[in-house]
Amino acid sequence: MNLKPLSNHLFLEGLEEEKKTKSGIVLPETAEKEKPIRGKVVAVGPGKLNEKGERVSMSVKVGDVVLFKKYGPDEIEIEGKKYLVGDEEDILAIIE
């Protein structure tokens, strides 16, 4: 399947968060996570048009691992696989 987002939209594949702290403590499922979530970019739109009608290219590309806002992207399911779809503004940082 080919995903082709429009404008400044992008599709993310959520990455599992570490369920264990650095000191070895295993966190239960009920532990609240108030930190940004990680994901891998799987599809990127061409970018938004500015006021002059010029296309502003996206800052992320397919394959980038990013941090995004917890309540930013929406979760959707396509052909049995879950994706997150949001705007470039939902991305907080690229993890290198």
Protein backbone atom coordinates (compact mmCIF):
# COMPACT_ATOMS: atom_id res chain seq x y z
CA MET A 1 0.00 0.00 0.00
CA ASN A 2 1.21 3.51 -0.81
CA LEU A 3 0.43 6.37 1.55
CA LYS A 4 0.71 9.86 0.09
CA PRO A 5 -0.12 12.51 2.71
CA LEU A 6 -1.20 15.96 1.55
CA SER A 7 0.16 19.35 2.62
CA ASN A 8 2.18 19.17 5.86
CA HIS A 9 0.64 15.91 7.09
CA LEU A 10 2.69 12.84 7.94
CA PHE A 11 2.17 9.24 8.99
CA LEU A 12 4.06 7.75 11.91
CA GLU A 13 4.58 4.24 13.16
CA GLY A 14 4.61 4.30 16.96
CA LEU A 15 7.71 2.88 18.66
CA GLU A 16 7.44 1.02 21.94
CA GLU A 17 8.60 3.02 24.92
CA GLU A 18 11.11 1.51 27.34
CA LYS A 19 9.18 -0.32 30.07
CA LYS A 20 12.20 -0.42 32.37
CA THR A 21 14.12 2.43 33.98
CA LYS A 22 17.90 2.77 33.66
CA SER A 23 18.28 1.36 37.17
CA GLY A 24 16.34 -1.78 36.18
CA ILE A 25 12.91 -1.03 37.68
CA VAL A 26 10.14 -2.47 35.49
CA LEU A 27 7.28 -0.01 34.99
CA PRO A 28 3.71 -1.37 35.08
CA GLU A 29 1.23 -0.68 32.26
CA THR A 30 -0.71 1.63 34.61
CA ALA A 31 2.26 3.99 35.08
CA GLU A 32 1.36 7.36 33.56
CA LYS A 33 3.69 8.59 30.88
CA GLU A 34 3.65 12.36 30.61
CA LYS A 35 6.58 12.51 28.24
CA PRO A 36 6.66 12.84 24.45
CA ILE A 37 6.21 9.70 22.40
CA ARG A 38 8.62 8.28 19.82
CA GLY A 39 7.72 7.24 16.32
CA LYS A 40 9.19 6.46 12.93
CA VAL A 41 8.07 8.54 9.94
CA VAL A 42 6.61 6.27 7.23
CA ALA A 43 5.09 8.87 4.86
CA VAL A 44 5.47 12.65 4.45
CA GLY A 45 3.43 15.20 2.51
CA PRO A 46 5.05 17.73 0.16
CA GLY A 47 4.74 20.62 2.65
CA LYS A 48 2.43 23.54 3.26
CA LEU A 49 1.88 26.50 0.96
CA ASN A 50 2.89 29.86 2.42
CA GLU A 51 1.06 33.16 1.91
CA LYS A 52 2.86 33.72 -1.42
CA GLY A 53 1.74 30.33 -2.74
CA GLU A 54 5.24 28.85 -2.44
CA ARG A 55 5.67 25.32 -1.08
CA VAL A 56 7.55 25.16 2.23
CA SER A 57 9.35 21.79 2.37
CA MET A 58 9.02 19.49 5.36
CA SER A 59 11.71 19.27 8.04
CA VAL A 60 11.35 15.49 8.40
CA LYS A 61 11.74 12.65 5.92
CA VAL A 62 10.69 9.02 5.72
CA GLY A 63 12.76 6.92 8.11
CA ASP A 64 13.36 9.68 10.69
CA VAL A 65 12.72 8.72 14.33
CA VAL A 66 10.97 11.62 16.03
CA LEU A 67 9.48 12.78 19.33
CA PHE A 68 5.93 14.03 19.02
CA LYS A 69 3.24 15.49 21.25
CA LYS A 70 1.30 12.92 23.21
CA TYR A 71 -2.09 14.26 22.14
CA GLY A 72 -1.06 15.61 18.73
CA PRO A 73 -1.45 12.87 16.10
CA ASP A 74 -4.62 10.84 15.61
CA GLU A 75 -4.50 7.05 15.56
CA ILE A 76 -5.93 5.30 12.51
CA GLU A 77 -5.88 1.72 11.24
CA ILE A 78 -5.20 0.83 7.61
CA GLU A 79 -5.24 -2.81 6.46
CA GLY A 80 -4.92 -4.03 10.05
CA LYS A 81 -1.91 -1.86 10.92
CA LYS A 82 -2.07 1.11 13.31
CA TYR A 83 -0.60 4.46 12.27
CA LEU A 84 -0.49 7.92 13.75
CA VAL A 85 -1.34 10.79 11.40
CA GLY A 86 -0.62 14.40 12.24
CA ASP A 87 0.88 17.69 11.12
CA GLU A 88 4.52 18.70 11.06
CA GLU A 89 3.71 20.97 14.03
CA ASP A 90 3.08 17.84 16.17
CA ILE A 91 6.78 16.91 15.85
CA LEU A 92 8.98 18.18 18.68
CA ALA A 93 12.37 16.83 17.58
CA ILE A 94 14.22 14.40 15.32
CA ILE A 95 16.23 11.76 17.21
CA GLU A 96 19.65 11.21 15.62
